[in-house]
PDB file of N, CA and C in Angstrom:
ATOM      1  N   UNK A   1      17.973 -16.640  -0.577  1.00  0.00           N
ATOM      2  CA  UNK A   1      18.474 -16.951  -1.897  1.00  0.00           C
ATOM      3  C   UNK A   1      19.480 -15.877  -2.285  1.00  0.00           C
ATOM      4  N   UNK A   2      20.697 -16.261  -2.459  1.00  0.00           N
ATOM      5  CA  UNK A   2      21.733 -15.327  -2.883  1.00  0.00           C
ATOM      6  C   UNK A   2      22.305 -15.793  -4.213  1.00  0.00           C
ATOM      7  N   UNK A   3      21.703 -15.327  -5.263  1.00  0.00           N
ATOM      8  CA  UNK A   3      22.153 -15.659  -6.606  1.00  0.00           C
ATOM      9  C   UNK A   3      22.238 -14.358  -7.391  1.00  0.00           C
ATOM     10  N   UNK A   4      23.246 -14.260  -8.219  1.00  0.00           N
ATOM     11  CA  UNK A   4      23.407 -13.052  -9.024  1.00  0.00           C
ATOM     12  C   UNK A   4      22.370 -13.052 -10.142  1.00  0.00           C
ATOM     13  N   UNK A   5      21.469 -12.122 -10.061  1.00  0.00           N
ATOM     14  CA  UNK A   5      20.451 -11.968 -11.114  1.00  0.00           C
ATOM     15  C   UNK A   5      20.829 -10.713 -11.886  1.00  0.00           C
ATOM     16  N   UNK A   6      21.339 -10.933 -13.102  1.00  0.00           N
ATOM     17  CA  UNK A   6      21.859  -9.818 -13.896  1.00  0.00           C
ATOM     18  C   UNK A   6      21.160  -9.635 -15.234  1.00  0.00           C
ATOM     19  N   UNK A   7      20.309 -10.574 -15.598  1.00  0.00           N
ATOM     20  CA  UNK A   7      19.597 -10.479 -16.876  1.00  0.00           C
ATOM     21  C   UNK A   7      18.338 -11.336 -16.793  1.00  0.00           C
ATOM     22  N   UNK A   8      17.555 -11.349 -17.847  1.00  0.00           N
ATOM     23  CA  UNK A   8      16.292 -12.098 -17.808  1.00  0.00           C
ATOM     24  C   UNK A   8      16.513 -13.600 -17.686  1.00  0.00           C
ATOM     25  N   UNK A   9      17.581 -14.103 -18.259  1.00  0.00           N
ATOM     26  CA  UNK A   9      17.854 -15.540 -18.163  1.00  0.00           C
ATOM     27  C   UNK A   9      18.188 -15.936 -16.731  1.00  0.00           C
ATOM     28  N   UNK A  10      19.030 -15.172 -16.074  1.00  0.00           N
ATOM     29  CA  UNK A  10      19.366 -15.509 -14.683  1.00  0.00           C
ATOM     30  C   UNK A  10      18.171 -15.293 -13.765  1.00  0.00           C
ATOM     31  N   UNK A  11      17.306 -14.324 -14.085  1.00  0.00           N
ATOM     32  CA  UNK A  11      16.073 -14.145 -13.311  1.00  0.00           C
ATOM     33  C   UNK A  11      15.165 -15.359 -13.501  1.00  0.00           C
ATOM     34  N   UNK A  12      14.986 -15.788 -14.734  1.00  0.00           N
ATOM     35  CA  UNK A  12      14.166 -16.968 -15.013  1.00  0.00           C
ATOM     36  C   UNK A  12      14.707 -18.193 -14.275  1.00  0.00           C
ATOM     37  N   UNK A  13      16.014 -18.383 -14.330  1.00  0.00           N
ATOM     38  CA  UNK A  13      16.622 -19.535 -13.670  1.00  0.00           C
ATOM     39  C   UNK A  13      16.437 -19.474 -12.156  1.00  0.00           C
ATOM     40  N   UNK A  14      16.590 -18.301 -11.574  1.00  0.00           N
ATOM     41  CA  UNK A  14      16.395 -18.140 -10.126  1.00  0.00           C
ATOM     42  C   UNK A  14      14.943 -18.421  -9.749  1.00  0.00           C
ATOM     43  N   UNK A  15      14.011 -17.972 -10.584  1.00  0.00           N
ATOM     44  CA  UNK A  15      12.597 -18.231 -10.316  1.00  0.00           C
ATOM     45  C   UNK A  15      12.271 -19.711 -10.429  1.00  0.00           C
ATOM     46  N   UNK A  16      12.891 -20.388 -11.382  1.00  0.00           N
ATOM     47  CA  UNK A  16      12.683 -21.834 -11.498  1.00  0.00           C
ATOM     48  C   UNK A  16      13.113 -22.542 -10.216  1.00  0.00           C
ATOM     49  N   UNK A  17      14.274 -22.173  -9.684  1.00  0.00           N
ATOM     50  CA  UNK A  17      14.775 -22.791  -8.450  1.00  0.00           C
ATOM     51  C   UNK A  17      13.860 -22.446  -7.279  1.00  0.00           C
ATOM     52  N   UNK A  18      13.507 -21.182  -7.160  1.00  0.00           N
ATOM     53  CA  UNK A  18      12.646 -20.715  -6.072  1.00  0.00           C
ATOM     54  C   UNK A  18      11.329 -21.486  -6.057  1.00  0.00           C
ATOM     55  N   UNK A  19      10.701 -21.615  -7.226  1.00  0.00           N
ATOM     56  CA  UNK A  19       9.417 -22.315  -7.319  1.00  0.00           C
ATOM     57  C   UNK A  19       9.574 -23.819  -7.076  1.00  0.00           C
ATOM     58  N   UNK A  20      10.649 -24.400  -7.593  1.00  0.00           N
ATOM     59  CA  UNK A  20      10.880 -25.834  -7.403  1.00  0.00           C
ATOM     60  C   UNK A  20      11.077 -26.163  -5.929  1.00  0.00           C
ATOM     61  N   UNK A  21      11.795 -25.316  -5.217  1.00  0.00           N
ATOM     62  CA  UNK A  21      12.029 -25.546  -3.789  1.00  0.00           C
ATOM     63  C   UNK A  21      10.726 -25.538  -2.992  1.00  0.00           C
ATOM     64  N   UNK A  22       9.721 -24.881  -3.510  1.00  0.00           N
ATOM     65  CA  UNK A  22       8.435 -24.766  -2.824  1.00  0.00           C
ATOM     66  C   UNK A  22       7.341 -25.618  -3.479  1.00  0.00           C
ATOM     67  N   UNK A  23       7.708 -26.344  -4.517  1.00  0.00           N
ATOM     68  CA  UNK A  23       6.771 -27.184  -5.274  1.00  0.00           C
ATOM     69  C   UNK A  23       5.598 -26.360  -5.810  1.00  0.00           C
ATOM     70  N   UNK A  24       5.885 -25.190  -6.312  1.00  0.00           N
ATOM     71  CA  UNK A  24       4.850 -24.308  -6.833  1.00  0.00           C
ATOM     72  C   UNK A  24       4.582 -24.514  -8.315  1.00  0.00           C
ATOM     73  N   UNK A  25       5.427 -25.259  -9.024  1.00  0.00           N
ATOM     74  CA  UNK A  25       5.257 -25.399 -10.474  1.00  0.00           C
ATOM     75  C   UNK A  25       3.888 -25.946 -10.849  1.00  0.00           C
ATOM     76  N   UNK A  26       3.346 -26.800 -10.024  1.00  0.00           N
ATOM     77  CA  UNK A  26       2.038 -27.372 -10.368  1.00  0.00           C
ATOM     78  C   UNK A  26       0.942 -26.315 -10.383  1.00  0.00           C
ATOM     79  N   UNK A  27       1.153 -25.196  -9.687  1.00  0.00           N
ATOM     80  CA  UNK A  27       0.167 -24.111  -9.669  1.00  0.00           C
ATOM     81  C   UNK A  27       0.434 -23.070 -10.756  1.00  0.00           C
ATOM     82  N   UNK A  28       1.618 -23.094 -11.316  1.00  0.00           N
ATOM     83  CA  UNK A  28       2.025 -22.045 -12.247  1.00  0.00           C
ATOM     84  C   UNK A  28       1.679 -22.407 -13.690  1.00  0.00           C
ATOM     85  N   UNK A  29       0.385 -22.536 -13.924  1.00  0.00           N
ATOM     86  CA  UNK A  29      -0.131 -22.735 -15.277  1.00  0.00           C
ATOM     87  C   UNK A  29      -0.273 -21.364 -15.933  1.00  0.00           C
ATOM     88  N   UNK A  30      -0.308 -21.317 -17.247  1.00  0.00           N
ATOM     89  CA  UNK A  30      -0.510 -20.015 -17.890  1.00  0.00           C
ATOM     90  C   UNK A  30      -1.739 -19.277 -17.355  1.00  0.00           C
ATOM     91  N   UNK A  31      -2.840 -19.989 -17.161  1.00  0.00           N
ATOM     92  CA  UNK A  31      -4.065 -19.356 -16.642  1.00  0.00           C
ATOM     93  C   UNK A  31      -3.825 -18.721 -15.281  1.00  0.00           C
ATOM     94  N   UNK A  32      -3.233 -19.453 -14.375  1.00  0.00           N
ATOM     95  CA  UNK A  32      -3.003 -18.926 -13.029  1.00  0.00           C
ATOM     96  C   UNK A  32      -1.989 -17.785 -13.038  1.00  0.00           C
ATOM     97  N   UNK A  33      -0.950 -17.924 -13.848  1.00  0.00           N
ATOM     98  CA  UNK A  33       0.071 -16.874 -13.890  1.00  0.00           C
ATOM     99  C   UNK A  33      -0.471 -15.581 -14.475  1.00  0.00           C
ATOM    100  N   UNK A  34      -1.286 -15.678 -15.519  1.00  0.00           N
ATOM    101  CA  UNK A  34      -1.826 -14.450 -16.097  1.00  0.00           C
ATOM    102  C   UNK A  34      -2.839 -13.802 -15.144  1.00  0.00           C
ATOM    103  N   UNK A  35      -3.553 -14.610 -14.387  1.00  0.00           N
ATOM    104  CA  UNK A  35      -4.464 -14.034 -13.383  1.00  0.00           C
ATOM    105  C   UNK A  35      -3.660 -13.327 -12.292  1.00  0.00           C
ATOM    106  N   UNK A  36      -2.589 -13.940 -11.819  1.00  0.00           N
ATOM    107  CA  UNK A  36      -1.743 -13.319 -10.797  1.00  0.00           C
ATOM    108  C   UNK A  36      -1.086 -12.058 -11.342  1.00  0.00           C
ATOM    109  N   UNK A  37      -0.654 -12.108 -12.598  1.00  0.00           N
ATOM    110  CA  UNK A  37      -0.056 -10.941 -13.238  1.00  0.00           C
ATOM    111  C   UNK A  37      -1.046  -9.784 -13.277  1.00  0.00           C
ATOM    112  N   UNK A  38      -2.289 -10.081 -13.593  1.00  0.00           N
ATOM    113  CA  UNK A  38      -3.327  -9.059 -13.642  1.00  0.00           C
ATOM    114  C   UNK A  38      -3.549  -8.414 -12.276  1.00  0.00           C
ATOM    115  N   UNK A  39      -3.556  -9.235 -11.247  1.00  0.00           N
ATOM    116  CA  UNK A  39      -3.726  -8.720  -9.881  1.00  0.00           C
ATOM    117  C   UNK A  39      -2.555  -7.815  -9.507  1.00  0.00           C
ATOM    118  N   UNK A  40      -1.346  -8.264  -9.809  1.00  0.00           N
ATOM    119  CA  UNK A  40      -0.169  -7.458  -9.468  1.00  0.00           C
ATOM    120  C   UNK A  40      -0.125  -6.165 -10.269  1.00  0.00           C
ATOM    121  N   UNK A  41      -0.538  -6.223 -11.536  1.00  0.00           N
ATOM    122  CA  UNK A  41      -0.593  -4.995 -12.332  1.00  0.00           C
ATOM    123  C   UNK A  41      -1.600  -4.013 -11.726  1.00  0.00           C
ATOM    124  N   UNK A  42      -2.717  -4.532 -11.227  1.00  0.00           N
ATOM    125  CA  UNK A  42      -3.710  -3.672 -10.567  1.00  0.00           C
ATOM    126  C   UNK A  42      -3.130  -3.058  -9.293  1.00  0.00           C
ATOM    127  N   UNK A  43      -2.321  -3.827  -8.575  1.00  0.00           N
ATOM    128  CA  UNK A  43      -1.686  -3.286  -7.369  1.00  0.00           C
ATOM    129  C   UNK A  43      -0.677  -2.199  -7.726  1.00  0.00           C
ATOM    130  N   UNK A  44      -0.044  -2.317  -8.886  1.00  0.00           N
ATOM    131  CA  UNK A  44       0.851  -1.256  -9.360  1.00  0.00           C
ATOM    132  C   UNK A  44       0.036  -0.010  -9.705  1.00  0.00           C
ATOM    133  N   UNK A  45      -1.074  -0.199 -10.386  1.00  0.00           N
ATOM    134  CA  UNK A  45      -1.960   0.924 -10.706  1.00  0.00           C
ATOM    135  C   UNK A  45      -2.397   1.633  -9.422  1.00  0.00           C
ATOM    136  N   UNK A  46      -2.716   0.849  -8.402  1.00  0.00           N
ATOM    137  CA  UNK A  46      -3.177   1.409  -7.135  1.00  0.00           C
ATOM    138  C   UNK A  46      -2.167   2.384  -6.533  1.00  0.00           C
ATOM    139  N   UNK A  47      -0.891   2.148  -6.762  1.00  0.00           N
ATOM    140  CA  UNK A  47       0.133   3.039  -6.208  1.00  0.00           C
ATOM    141  C   UNK A  47       0.039   4.455  -6.781  1.00  0.00           C
ATOM    142  N   UNK A  48      -0.575   4.579  -7.944  1.00  0.00           N
ATOM    143  CA  UNK A  48      -0.686   5.886  -8.599  1.00  0.00           C
ATOM    144  C   UNK A  48      -2.110   6.429  -8.610  1.00  0.00           C
ATOM    145  N   UNK A  49      -3.044   5.653  -8.067  1.00  0.00           N
ATOM    146  CA  UNK A  49      -4.438   6.083  -8.073  1.00  0.00           C
ATOM    147  C   UNK A  49      -4.574   7.416  -7.355  1.00  0.00           C
ATOM    148  N   UNK A  50      -5.262   8.329  -7.971  1.00  0.00           N
ATOM    149  CA  UNK A  50      -5.577   9.651  -7.461  1.00  0.00           C
ATOM    150  C   UNK A  50      -4.370  10.590  -7.407  1.00  0.00           C
ATOM    151  N   UNK A  51      -3.224  10.153  -7.857  1.00  0.00           N
ATOM    152  CA  UNK A  51      -2.064  11.045  -7.899  1.00  0.00           C
ATOM    153  C   UNK A  51      -2.181  11.958  -9.121  1.00  0.00           C
ATOM    154  N   UNK A  52      -1.716  13.167  -8.967  1.00  0.00           N
ATOM    155  CA  UNK A  52      -1.647  14.063 -10.118  1.00  0.00           C
ATOM    156  C   UNK A  52      -0.467  13.615 -10.985  1.00  0.00           C
ATOM    157  N   UNK A  53      -0.422  14.052 -12.235  1.00  0.00           N
ATOM    158  CA  UNK A  53       0.747  13.714 -13.056  1.00  0.00           C
ATOM    159  C   UNK A  53       2.056  14.146 -12.386  1.00  0.00           C
ATOM    160  N   UNK A  54       2.042  15.297 -11.753  1.00  0.00           N
ATOM    161  CA  UNK A  54       3.240  15.797 -11.087  1.00  0.00           C
ATOM    162  C   UNK A  54       3.618  14.904  -9.899  1.00  0.00           C
ATOM    163  N   UNK A  55       2.630  14.490  -9.115  1.00  0.00           N
ATOM    164  CA  UNK A  55       2.902  13.604  -7.974  1.00  0.00           C
ATOM    165  C   UNK A  55       3.439  12.256  -8.445  1.00  0.00           C
ATOM    166  N   UNK A  56       2.940  11.776  -9.574  1.00  0.00           N
ATOM    167  CA  UNK A  56       3.398  10.482 -10.075  1.00  0.00           C
ATOM    168  C   UNK A  56       4.852  10.538 -10.540  1.00  0.00           C
ATOM    169  N   UNK A  57       5.321  11.725 -10.876  1.00  0.00           N
ATOM    170  CA  UNK A  57       6.719  11.900 -11.291  1.00  0.00           C
ATOM    171  C   UNK A  57       7.662  12.194 -10.131  1.00  0.00           C
ATOM    172  N   UNK A  58       7.110  12.522  -8.966  1.00  0.00           N
ATOM    173  CA  UNK A  58       7.935  12.901  -7.811  1.00  0.00           C
ATOM    174  C   UNK A  58       7.578  12.005  -6.626  1.00  0.00           C
ATOM    175  N   UNK A  59       7.959  10.736  -6.705  1.00  0.00           N
ATOM    176  CA  UNK A  59       7.604   9.773  -5.667  1.00  0.00           C
ATOM    177  C   UNK A  59       8.433   9.978  -4.407  1.00  0.00           C
ATOM    178  N   UNK A  60       7.777   9.840  -3.273  1.00  0.00           N
ATOM    179  CA  UNK A  60       8.518   9.835  -2.011  1.00  0.00           C
ATOM    180  C   UNK A  60       9.324   8.541  -1.946  1.00  0.00           C
ATOM    181  N   UNK A  61      10.266   8.466  -1.036  1.00  0.00           N
ATOM    182  CA  UNK A  61      11.064   7.250  -0.884  1.00  0.00           C
ATOM    183  C   UNK A  61      10.178   6.053  -0.542  1.00  0.00           C
ATOM    184  N   UNK A  62       9.196   6.279   0.312  1.00  0.00           N
ATOM    185  CA  UNK A  62       8.285   5.202   0.705  1.00  0.00           C
ATOM    186  C   UNK A  62       7.441   4.732  -0.478  1.00  0.00           C
ATOM    187  N   UNK A  63       6.909   5.679  -1.243  1.00  0.00           N
ATOM    188  CA  UNK A  63       6.084   5.335  -2.404  1.00  0.00           C
ATOM    189  C   UNK A  63       6.935   4.662  -3.481  1.00  0.00           C
ATOM    190  N   UNK A  64       8.145   5.143  -3.670  1.00  0.00           N
ATOM    191  CA  UNK A  64       9.049   4.542  -4.656  1.00  0.00           C
ATOM    192  C   UNK A  64       9.345   3.083  -4.300  1.00  0.00           C
ATOM    193  N   UNK A  65       9.533   2.794  -3.019  1.00  0.00           N
ATOM    194  CA  UNK A  65       9.781   1.420  -2.574  1.00  0.00           C
ATOM    195  C   UNK A  65       8.562   0.539  -2.838  1.00  0.00           C
ATOM    196  N   UNK A  66       7.374   1.081  -2.598  1.00  0.00           N
ATOM    197  CA  UNK A  66       6.145   0.322  -2.848  1.00  0.00           C
ATOM    198  C   UNK A  66       5.979   0.054  -4.345  1.00  0.00           C
ATOM    199  N   UNK A  67       6.269   1.046  -5.170  1.00  0.00           N
ATOM    200  CA  UNK A  67       6.184   0.883  -6.623  1.00  0.00           C
ATOM    201  C   UNK A  67       7.208  -0.156  -7.085  1.00  0.00           C
ATOM    202  N   UNK A  68       8.405  -0.111  -6.526  1.00  0.00           N
ATOM    203  CA  UNK A  68       9.445  -1.093  -6.884  1.00  0.00           C
ATOM    204  C   UNK A  68       8.987  -2.506  -6.562  1.00  0.00           C
ATOM    205  N   UNK A  69       8.357  -2.698  -5.411  1.00  0.00           N
ATOM    206  CA  UNK A  69       7.841  -4.025  -5.047  1.00  0.00           C
ATOM    207  C   UNK A  69       6.810  -4.514  -6.052  1.00  0.00           C
ATOM    208  N   UNK A  70       5.915  -3.636  -6.476  1.00  0.00           N
ATOM    209  CA  UNK A  70       4.870  -4.031  -7.420  1.00  0.00           C
ATOM    210  C   UNK A  70       5.444  -4.281  -8.811  1.00  0.00           C
ATOM    211  N   UNK A  71       6.416  -3.471  -9.224  1.00  0.00           N
ATOM    212  CA  UNK A  71       7.076  -3.722 -10.504  1.00  0.00           C
ATOM    213  C   UNK A  71       7.753  -5.084 -10.473  1.00  0.00           C
ATOM    214  N   UNK A  72       8.395  -5.399  -9.357  1.00  0.00           N
ATOM    215  CA  UNK A  72       9.046  -6.709  -9.220  1.00  0.00           C
ATOM    216  C   UNK A  72       8.024  -7.836  -9.340  1.00  0.00           C
ATOM    217  N   UNK A  73       6.891  -7.697  -8.677  1.00  0.00           N
ATOM    218  CA  UNK A  73       5.853  -8.736  -8.753  1.00  0.00           C
ATOM    219  C   UNK A  73       5.373  -8.924 -10.187  1.00  0.00           C
ATOM    220  N   UNK A  74       5.131  -7.822 -10.892  1.00  0.00           N
ATOM    221  CA  UNK A  74       4.676  -7.897 -12.277  1.00  0.00           C
ATOM    222  C   UNK A  74       5.740  -8.576 -13.140  1.00  0.00           C
ATOM    223  N   UNK A  75       6.976  -8.166 -12.978  1.00  0.00           N
ATOM    224  CA  UNK A  75       8.061  -8.744 -13.773  1.00  0.00           C
ATOM    225  C   UNK A  75       8.230 -10.232 -13.490  1.00  0.00           C
ATOM    226  N   UNK A  76       8.170 -10.610 -12.230  1.00  0.00           N
ATOM    227  CA  UNK A  76       8.317 -12.017 -11.856  1.00  0.00           C
ATOM    228  C   UNK A  76       7.232 -12.869 -12.506  1.00  0.00           C
ATOM    229  N   UNK A  77       5.982 -12.463 -12.388  1.00  0.00           N
ATOM    230  CA  UNK A  77       4.913 -13.248 -12.990  1.00  0.00           C
ATOM    231  C   UNK A  77       5.010 -13.251 -14.512  1.00  0.00           C
ATOM    232  N   UNK A  78       5.429 -12.147 -15.101  1.00  0.00           N
ATOM    233  CA  UNK A  78       5.570 -12.091 -16.552  1.00  0.00           C
ATOM    234  C   UNK A  78       6.674 -13.037 -17.026  1.00  0.00           C
ATOM    235  N   UNK A  79       7.794 -13.071 -16.310  1.00  0.00           N
ATOM    236  CA  UNK A  79       8.892 -13.971 -16.678  1.00  0.00           C
ATOM    237  C   UNK A  79       8.454 -15.426 -16.503  1.00  0.00           C
ATOM    238  N   UNK A  80       7.742 -15.709 -15.435  1.00  0.00           N
ATOM    239  CA  UNK A  80       7.260 -17.080 -15.236  1.00  0.00           C
ATOM    240  C   UNK A  80       6.261 -17.473 -16.326  1.00  0.00           C
ATOM    241  N   UNK A  81       5.382 -16.562 -16.717  1.00  0.00           N
ATOM    242  CA  UNK A  81       4.425 -16.840 -17.791  1.00  0.00           C
ATOM    243  C   UNK A  81       5.158 -17.105 -19.100  1.00  0.00           C
ATOM    244  N   UNK A  82       6.139 -16.282 -19.412  1.00  0.00           N
ATOM    245  CA  UNK A  82       6.930 -16.495 -20.623  1.00  0.00           C
ATOM    246  C   UNK A  82       7.630 -17.846 -20.574  1.00  0.00           C
ATOM    247  N   UNK A  83       8.131 -18.210 -19.405  1.00  0.00           N
ATOM    248  CA  UNK A  83       8.851 -19.478 -19.257  1.00  0.00           C
ATOM    249  C   UNK A  83       7.936 -20.668 -19.507  1.00  0.00           C
ATOM    250  N   UNK A  84       6.765 -20.686 -18.881  1.00  0.00           N
ATOM    251  CA  UNK A  84       5.889 -21.861 -19.028  1.00  0.00           C
ATOM    252  C   UNK A  84       5.243 -21.943 -20.413  1.00  0.00           C
ATOM    253  N   UNK A  85       5.170 -20.815 -21.118  1.00  0.00           N
ATOM    254  CA  UNK A  85       4.605 -20.842 -22.464  1.00  0.00           C
ATOM    255  C   UNK A  85       5.679 -20.981 -23.539  1.00  0.00           C
ATOM    256  N   UNK A  86       6.946 -20.965 -23.125  1.00  0.00           N
ATOM    257  CA  UNK A  86       8.039 -21.108 -24.084  1.00  0.00           C
ATOM    258  C   UNK A  86       8.233 -19.897 -24.977  1.00  0.00           C
ATOM    259  N   UNK A  87       7.883 -18.734 -24.472  1.00  0.00           N
ATOM    260  CA  UNK A  87       8.037 -17.494 -25.239  1.00  0.00           C
ATOM    261  C   UNK A  87       9.250 -16.736 -24.715  1.00  0.00           C
ATOM    262  N   UNK A  88      10.127 -16.350 -25.623  1.00  0.00           N
ATOM    263  CA  UNK A  88      11.288 -15.528 -25.266  1.00  0.00           C
ATOM    264  C   UNK A  88      10.796 -14.085 -25.169  1.00  0.00           C
ATOM    265  N   UNK A  89      10.772 -13.503 -23.966  1.00  0.00           N
ATOM    266  CA  UNK A  89      10.202 -12.154 -23.835  1.00  0.00           C
ATOM    267  C   UNK A  89      10.989 -11.086 -24.590  1.00  0.00           C
ATOM    268  N   UNK A  90      12.298 -11.242 -24.686  1.00  0.00           N
ATOM    269  CA  UNK A  90      13.074 -10.253 -25.440  1.00  0.00           C
ATOM    270  C   UNK A  90      12.797 -10.358 -26.935  1.00  0.00           C
ATOM    271  N   UNK A  91      12.704 -11.574 -27.446  1.00  0.00           N
ATOM    272  CA  UNK A  91      12.370 -11.751 -28.864  1.00  0.00           C
ATOM    273  C   UNK A  91      10.965 -11.211 -29.142  1.00  0.00           C
ATOM    274  N   UNK A  92      10.035 -11.469 -28.229  1.00  0.00           N
ATOM    275  CA  UNK A  92       8.670 -10.968 -28.393  1.00  0.00           C
ATOM    276  C   UNK A  92       8.659  -9.441 -28.381  1.00  0.00           C
ATOM    277  N   UNK A  93       9.441  -8.832 -27.487  1.00  0.00           N
ATOM    278  CA  UNK A  93       9.497  -7.369 -27.408  1.00  0.00           C
ATOM    279  C   UNK A  93      10.121  -6.787 -28.672  1.00  0.00           C
ATOM    280  N   UNK A  94      11.197  -7.408 -29.166  1.00  0.00           N
ATOM    281  CA  UNK A  94      11.808  -6.928 -30.414  1.00  0.00           C
ATOM    282  C   UNK A  94      10.808  -6.985 -31.561  1.00  0.00           C
ATOM    283  N   UNK A  95      10.101  -8.099 -31.686  1.00  0.00           N
ATOM    284  CA  UNK A  95       9.115  -8.244 -32.763  1.00  0.00           C
ATOM    285  C   UNK A  95       8.008  -7.208 -32.630  1.00  0.00           C
ATOM    286  N   UNK A  96       7.584  -6.940 -31.408  1.00  0.00           N
ATOM    287  CA  UNK A  96       6.492  -5.974 -31.187  1.00  0.00           C
ATOM    288  C   UNK A  96       6.947  -4.553 -31.510  1.00  0.00           C
ATOM    289  N   UNK A  97       8.192  -4.225 -31.179  1.00  0.00           N
ATOM    290  CA  UNK A  97       8.714  -2.890 -31.502  1.00  0.00           C
ATOM    291  C   UNK A  97       8.726  -2.692 -33.019  1.00  0.00           C
ATOM    292  N   UNK A  98       9.111  -3.739 -33.757  1.00  0.00           N
ATOM    293  CA  UNK A  98       9.110  -3.653 -35.221  1.00  0.00           C
ATOM    294  C   UNK A  98       7.687  -3.463 -35.736  1.00  0.00           C
ATOM    295  N   UNK A  99       6.732  -4.245 -35.204  1.00  0.00           N
ATOM    296  CA  UNK A  99       5.327  -4.085 -35.608  1.00  0.00           C
ATOM    297  C   UNK A  99       4.834  -2.674 -35.310  1.00  0.00           C
ATOM    298  N   UNK A 100       5.173  -2.156 -34.117  1.00  0.00           N
ATOM    299  CA  UNK A 100       4.722  -0.820 -33.740  1.00  0.00           C
ATOM    300  C   UNK A 100       5.351   0.265 -34.608  1.00  0.00           C
ATOM    301  N   UNK A 101       6.601   0.056 -35.026  1.00  0.00           N
ATOM    302  CA  UNK A 101       7.267   1.041 -35.887  1.00  0.00           C
ATOM    303  C   UNK A 101       6.557   1.148 -37.228  1.00  0.00           C
ATOM    304  N   UNK A 102       6.065   0.025 -37.733  1.00  0.00           N
ATOM    305  CA  UNK A 102       5.320   0.036 -38.996  1.00  0.00           C
ATOM    306  C   UNK A 102       3.942   0.659 -38.778  1.00  0.00           C
ATOM    307  N   UNK A 103       3.302   0.281 -37.682  1.00  0.00           N
ATOM    308  CA  UNK A 103       1.951   0.759 -37.394  1.00  0.00           C
ATOM    309  C   UNK A 103       1.931   2.243 -37.028  1.00  0.00           C
ATOM    310  N   UNK A 104       2.962   2.695 -36.339  1.00  0.00           N
ATOM    311  CA  UNK A 104       3.024   4.081 -35.859  1.00  0.00           C
ATOM    312  C   UNK A 104       4.329   4.735 -36.322  1.00  0.00           C
ATOM    313  N   UNK A 105       4.429   5.064 -37.599  1.00  0.00           N
ATOM    314  CA  UNK A 105       5.669   5.697 -38.069  1.00  0.00           C
ATOM    315  C   UNK A 105       5.810   7.098 -37.472  1.00  0.00           C
ATOM    316  N   UNK A 106       7.045   7.564 -37.367  1.00  0.00           N
ATOM    317  CA  UNK A 106       7.208   8.929 -36.850  1.00  0.00           C
ATOM    318  C   UNK A 106       6.580   9.926 -37.814  1.00  0.00           C
ATOM    319  N   UNK A 107       6.111  11.024 -37.293  1.00  0.00           N
ATOM    320  CA  UNK A 107       5.477  12.006 -38.189  1.00  0.00           C
ATOM    321  C   UNK A 107       6.503  12.563 -39.172  1.00  0.00           C
ATOM    322  N   UNK A 108       6.029  12.795 -40.373  1.00  0.00           N
ATOM    323  CA  UNK A 108       6.875  13.403 -41.382  1.00  0.00           C
ATOM    324  C   UNK A 108       6.872  14.902 -41.158  1.00  0.00           C
ATOM    325  N   UNK A 109       8.055  15.475 -41.071  1.00  0.00           N
ATOM    326  CA  UNK A 109       8.082  16.937 -40.868  1.00  0.00           C
ATOM    327  C   UNK A 109       7.441  17.646 -42.073  1.00  0.00           C
ATOM    328  N   UNK A 110       6.663  18.639 -41.771  1.00  0.00           N
ATOM    329  CA  UNK A 110       6.037  19.400 -42.851  1.00  0.00           C
ATOM    330  C   UNK A 110       7.029  20.452 -43.329  1.00  0.00           C
ATOM    331  N   UNK A 111       7.194  20.545 -44.637  1.00  0.00           N
ATOM    332  CA  UNK A 111       8.135  21.566 -45.155  1.00  0.00           C
ATOM    333  C   UNK A 111       7.589  22.959 -44.852  1.00  0.00           C
ATOM    334  N   UNK A 112       8.489  23.807 -44.478  1.00  0.00           N
ATOM    335  CA  UNK A 112       8.089  25.180 -44.171  1.00  0.00           C
ATOM    336  C   UNK A 112       8.282  26.020 -45.411  1.00  0.00           C
ATOM    337  N   UNK A 113       7.270  26.847 -45.709  1.00  0.00           N
ATOM    338  CA  UNK A 113       7.370  27.739 -46.863  1.00  0.00           C
ATOM    339  C   UNK A 113       8.191  28.960 -46.465  1.00  0.00           C
ATOM    340  N   UNK A 114       9.224  29.209 -47.252  1.00  0.00           N
ATOM    341  CA  UNK A 114      10.008  30.423 -46.947  1.00  0.00           C
ATOM    342  C   UNK A 114       9.178  31.675 -47.196  1.00  0.00           C
ATOM    343  N   UNK A 115       9.368  32.651 -46.337  1.00  0.00           N
ATOM    344  CA  UNK A 115       8.642  33.913 -46.519  1.00  0.00           C
ATOM    345  C   UNK A 115       9.202  34.644 -47.732  1.00  0.00           C
ATOM    346  N   UNK A 116       8.279  35.182 -48.521  1.00  0.00           N
ATOM    347  CA  UNK A 116       8.736  35.890 -49.723  1.00  0.00           C
ATOM    348  C   UNK A 116       8.697  37.356 -49.516  1.00  0.00           C
TER     349      UNK A 116
END
C-alpha cells in the first residue's frame, strides 16, 4: 500500500481501504476494536516494563523501533474505533483539553513578601 498518509483523515481513509480489501470490517465492531486496543496498549507498556526512568528516556535503536511499532498499533486501532463510532478524535481531544484546563488549572503563583 503506497498512499500518502499525512493526517488523521488520510490515515482513516487508508485504514478503511486496507480493511475493506481484507473484508475485516465485519470484525471491527467497537467491542472488538477496544479489546484489540487494550492488548496493543499492554504491548506498549511491556516495552518499558522494568526500565528505569532514565532507560525509558534513552531508548536504543532497536527498542525505539519496537516502541514505534506498538505506538502505530495503538493509533491504528484508536482511529478505527473512532471511525466506527463516528467520533472525531481531534474534536474529542480538543474538548477534553478544555475540560482538563478547567479541572486542573495552573497553580497560582504565591506572592513573595519583600524583605524588610
